[in-house]
Amino acid sequence: MSYDVIVIGSGPGGYSAAIRAGQYGLKTALIEKWPKLGGTCLHVGCIPTKSLLHTAEVWEYFRHSDDQGIACENPRLNYPRVLQRKDKIVSTHANGIELLMRKNKVQVIKGHGRLKGRGQVEVTGESGTQVIDGKHIILATGSEARMIPGVEPDAPRIVTNVEILKAEAPPRKLLVIGAGAVGVEFASIFKRFGSEVIVFEMLPRLVPVEDEDVSKELERQFKKGGIQCETGAKVLEVQKTDVGVRLQVQLSTGKVESFEGDMLLVAVGRKPNTDDAGIQNTRIELDRGFVKVDSMQRTAEPGVYAIGDIVAGTPQLAHVATMEGMVAVGHIAGKPVKPINKLRIPGATYTEPGIGSVGLTEKQAREQGYQVKVGKFPFMGNSKASILGSHGGFVKVVADMKYGEILGVHIIGPHAYELIAEAVAAMEAEATVETMMATIHAHPTLYEAVGEAFNSVYGLAINA
């Protein structure tokens, strides 16, 4: 069987690329080794995690319903029902992807796809092995949790993002190694579900890819909410006990202390799934396991493209994978496409308070030689934040003093991961600070705080 496009992997990047190829009238096959389409993001990543985060937010409202003037005596958390809701959401969307494949005439092939070279893909499934031909191949095999050397998942004591989603109940005490997005999101979830939580991060601050002010505010809010944060901490040893796990940790002071919990979440990053993809049969070049691509997502193997978490040099985010898929398929179909601009990629972390960011941090902008001017507006001055009872955090705009160019926007506060959209659109449109100052923001809304932050660049914020 021969196809115009073969996509290996059905995560957000892969299935979106397959759909777009179908929309362009290309004969397309989508290969997936898991029973259901959707990849890590849908089944054990973005979607189930955010379902739990939403439930945790609702649970928090019930626990503090008196603040809203609502009498709610003895609320109870039915955690098995929480998991059922999560699973239903995942199943609904997985079935939806199957429908989209049929709608766009994409042939779904179940099995493990490996590159054979010369435009061929070997697929090994329950019915045996077959080889299919493709004029173009898009490798979208995703990533998996990276583990600490010598430590392997052993649920329910030692878990990754996969196993923790299957936990039958919130742990009494959760230890988290790694304060990137995965680590801090699960810390935020289970603290609100009643777990005692300690987060260990080897680097000097939480969410180290974010602006330093955002990291400081998240740690302040976490500590205020009862989450213990140990930054500059090196985990020396992980020991399983009869009832959980014990860590030996060298703290930032140099002192070594022992910490015990009934569950350990390892969230130290993700490794690309390229080991069993048939890379050795091609000219594809790797960088520490990641695939090198050009601006059109082409690899060094003619006709083979790569997108998503396996790509070197771009963040491992679902929306990045999707856009890379659009670039690859557009190039294949001969359509006009724009390559990924790394400075226009939004980051979103669904903690409480939430985080949204795009562009350069203040430190990066100064290091690149810009004359930086910063505007900062606290949510304390925003009326909608008061209505929501969520005053923590701020909007920070990093701008070029000379031309008013928006270099970066960093938000920590209520629904920050939604609010960042305005900043992304503004930067993509090359709007200036002055443009955004003249943009009318509806009242009362959270995104008024974004407008105020742009005004603040020139010291003209009204409510601060």
Foldseek 3Di string as FASTA:
>chain_A
DEWAEEEEAQALLRLLLQLVLLVLVTAYEYEEADPFGHPCCLQLRVQLLVLLLVVLVVLLCLVPVVVVVDDRPPDDDPVVVSLVVSVVSSVVVRVVSVVSCVVSVYHYDHAHWADQAPQKIWGQDPVGIDIYGYLFYEYEQAWAADDDPPDDDDPPFEEESRVVSVDPAQFQEEEEEAQAQRRQSVQQSSVSVPHQYEYEELAQFHNVVAFPVQRVLVCVVCVVSRYHYFYNKDWDDWAADPQHIKTFIQGNVRDTDIDTTNYYYYHHDIAGPPPRRNCVNFPFDADNQATEADQLQDGPGPNYGYFAPRHPDADRDSVRSNLSSVSNSCVSSVHDDGGDDRQLDWDWRVHVQIKIKGADHQVRCVVVPAPKFKFKFFQLLAVVCVVVVKGGWIKMWIAGPPPQFTGMIITTTHPNNVLCVVVSVCNVVRHGLVNLLPDDDDPRDPNVRVNLRSCRSVPRRDRD
